[in-house]
Amino acid sequence: MTICMISVGGFIILHLCEKLMSETPHTVLAVDVHNDKIKHLLEPDSIPWNGRIQFHRCKIKNDSRLEGLVKCSDL
């Protein structure tokens, strides 16, 4: 299952993303303006879920890519 998580740098979404990555086989499309708070989730050598999370930098108010990310997700 592919899950689109918007504003993944926020406290609750960040912790939910960490939980999903560690306890499920799902893929996450992580969307936010910055990746500062989720860098530890994206480091390829130190994580067991390498290749299952993709970061997409975009502003949700005026970026047309967001609609495409949501459409290609299951949740």
Protein backbone atom coordinates (compact mmCIF):
# COMPACT_ATOMS: atom_id res chain seq x y z
CA MET A 1 0.00 0.00 0.00
CA THR A 2 1.23 3.51 -0.83
CA ILE A 3 0.39 6.22 1.70
CA CYS A 4 0.70 9.94 0.97
CA MET A 5 1.59 11.86 4.14
CA ILE A 6 1.20 15.63 3.82
CA SER A 7 3.16 17.94 6.15
CA VAL A 8 5.32 15.04 7.29
CA GLY A 9 7.62 17.38 9.25
CA GLY A 10 4.84 18.03 11.77
CA PHE A 11 5.11 16.35 15.17
CA ILE A 12 2.21 13.90 14.89
CA ILE A 13 2.66 13.01 11.21
CA LEU A 14 6.41 12.53 11.71
CA HIS A 15 5.88 10.04 14.53
CA LEU A 16 3.14 8.26 12.59
CA CYS A 17 5.49 7.97 9.61
CA GLU A 18 8.25 6.52 11.81
CA LYS A 19 5.80 3.97 13.21
CA LEU A 20 4.53 3.00 9.75
CA MET A 21 8.05 2.57 8.42
CA SER A 22 9.19 0.42 11.33
CA GLU A 23 6.10 -1.80 11.68
CA THR A 24 4.58 -2.19 8.20
CA PRO A 25 5.74 -2.96 4.67
CA HIS A 26 3.92 0.10 3.25
CA THR A 27 5.48 2.77 1.04
CA VAL A 28 5.23 6.44 2.04
CA LEU A 29 5.15 9.51 -0.18
CA ALA A 30 6.30 12.18 2.28
CA VAL A 31 5.26 15.73 1.35
CA ASP A 32 6.46 18.91 3.05
CA VAL A 33 8.18 22.23 2.34
CA HIS A 34 11.38 21.16 4.16
CA ASN A 35 12.96 17.83 4.97
CA ASP A 36 14.91 19.04 8.03
CA LYS A 37 12.87 17.06 10.54
CA ILE A 38 12.73 13.83 8.54
CA LYS A 39 16.34 13.56 7.35
CA HIS A 40 16.86 10.59 9.65
CA LEU A 41 14.09 8.75 7.76
CA LEU A 42 15.72 9.39 4.39
CA GLU A 43 19.30 8.29 5.08
CA PRO A 44 19.73 5.18 2.91
CA ASP A 45 22.45 3.34 4.82
CA SER A 46 21.06 3.51 8.33
CA ILE A 47 17.44 2.52 7.82
CA PRO A 48 15.78 -0.86 7.30
CA TRP A 49 13.06 0.67 5.09
CA ASN A 50 15.42 1.93 2.40
CA GLY A 51 13.51 2.54 -0.83
CA ARG A 52 10.07 2.62 0.81
CA ILE A 53 9.93 6.35 1.53
CA GLN A 54 10.10 9.16 -1.03
CA PHE A 55 10.33 12.82 -0.08
CA HIS A 56 8.54 15.39 -2.25
CA ARG A 57 9.25 19.06 -1.56
CA CYS A 58 6.22 21.18 -2.35
CA LYS A 59 3.94 23.81 -0.90
CA ILE A 60 0.48 22.36 -0.55
CA LYS A 61 -1.32 25.64 -1.32
CA ASN A 62 -0.12 26.18 -4.85
CA ASP A 63 1.74 23.15 -6.17
CA SER A 64 -0.09 21.14 -8.80
CA ARG A 65 2.10 18.07 -8.13
CA LEU A 66 0.26 17.42 -4.87
CA GLU A 67 -2.89 16.27 -6.67
CA GLY A 68 -0.86 13.74 -8.67
CA LEU A 69 0.80 12.38 -5.52
CA VAL A 70 -2.56 11.92 -3.83
CA LYS A 71 -4.04 10.23 -6.91
CA CYS A 72 -1.23 7.69 -7.18
CA SER A 73 -1.55 6.80 -3.48
CA ASP A 74 -3.86 4.23 -1.92
CA LEU A 75 -4.40 6.27 1.22
